[in-house]
Protein backbone atom coordinates (compact mmCIF):
# COMPACT_ATOMS: atom_id res chain seq x y z
CA MET A 1 146.32 -87.04 113.03
CA SER A 2 143.31 -85.82 111.83
CA ALA A 3 141.17 -82.79 112.91
CA VAL A 4 137.73 -82.52 114.00
CA THR A 5 135.99 -78.77 114.33
CA VAL A 6 133.67 -78.79 117.98
CA VAL A 7 132.05 -75.67 119.52
CA ILE A 8 133.66 -74.82 122.72
CA ASN A 9 131.88 -71.64 124.56
CA GLY A 10 130.47 -70.72 121.50
CA GLU A 11 133.91 -70.58 119.32
CA SER A 12 134.75 -73.07 116.61
CA ARG A 13 137.75 -75.18 117.28
CA GLU A 14 140.05 -77.32 115.86
CA VAL A 15 141.43 -80.51 117.94
CA PRO A 16 142.55 -83.62 117.08
CA LEU A 17 140.14 -86.34 116.20
CA GLY A 18 139.84 -89.59 118.76
CA LEU A 19 140.49 -87.29 121.52
CA THR A 20 138.78 -88.54 125.25
CA VAL A 21 137.34 -85.15 127.16
CA ASN A 22 139.70 -85.57 129.73
CA GLU A 23 142.55 -85.47 126.36
CA MET A 24 140.29 -82.32 124.88
CA LEU A 25 140.52 -80.07 128.26
CA ALA A 26 145.25 -81.18 128.71
CA GLN A 27 145.28 -80.13 124.68
CA LEU A 28 143.54 -76.99 125.31
CA GLY A 29 145.62 -76.22 128.97
CA ILE A 30 142.63 -76.09 130.70
CA PRO A 31 143.11 -77.93 134.38
CA ALA A 32 140.53 -80.24 134.79
CA GLY A 33 140.19 -79.74 138.70
CA ARG A 34 137.96 -77.19 138.85
CA VAL A 35 134.97 -77.38 135.78
CA ALA A 36 131.63 -78.30 134.89
CA ILE A 37 131.36 -79.87 130.91
CA GLU A 38 128.11 -79.62 129.51
CA TYR A 39 128.43 -81.68 125.93
CA ASN A 40 125.72 -81.57 123.45
CA GLN A 41 123.43 -79.50 126.13
CA ASP A 42 123.86 -82.38 128.38
CA ILE A 43 126.09 -81.97 131.75
CA LEU A 44 128.76 -84.93 131.50
CA PRO A 45 129.76 -86.28 134.92
CA ARG A 46 133.17 -86.39 135.53
CA SER A 47 133.04 -90.11 135.38
CA ARG A 48 132.45 -90.34 131.60
CA TRP A 49 134.97 -87.79 131.16
CA ASP A 50 137.96 -90.61 129.95
CA GLN A 51 135.39 -92.66 127.73
CA THR A 52 134.11 -89.73 125.93
CA ARG A 53 135.29 -89.61 122.67
CA ILE A 54 135.43 -86.05 120.83
CA GLN A 55 133.13 -86.32 117.47
CA PRO A 56 133.13 -83.85 114.78
CA GLY A 57 130.40 -81.10 115.66
CA ASP A 58 130.42 -81.52 119.37
CA ARG A 59 129.67 -78.58 121.38
CA PHE A 60 131.07 -78.00 124.68
CA GLU A 61 130.21 -75.57 127.33
CA ILE A 62 133.20 -75.19 130.10
CA VAL A 63 132.62 -73.70 133.17
CA HIS A 64 135.65 -72.55 135.45
CA PHE A 65 134.95 -72.87 139.62
CA VAL A 66 136.21 -69.27 141.05
CA GLY A 67 136.47 -69.83 144.81
CA GLY A 68 136.58 -66.83 147.19
CA GLY A 69 134.72 -65.62 149.63
CA SER A 70 135.40 -64.04 153.17
């Protein structure tokens, strides 16, 4: 399978060509439950994660939510 280069949280990474965003998260070992994703400088709604296919040069910021408090 061919790989494409994308930028994830400022770091260049290679991922398999044709993955959806959800598949990319699984490939990277990132649980999808408590993250938000900025995709090419726009917030990507969770409802589009299964429809959005990764393209060469895409940029992602993946933010993990952390629970806590008192």
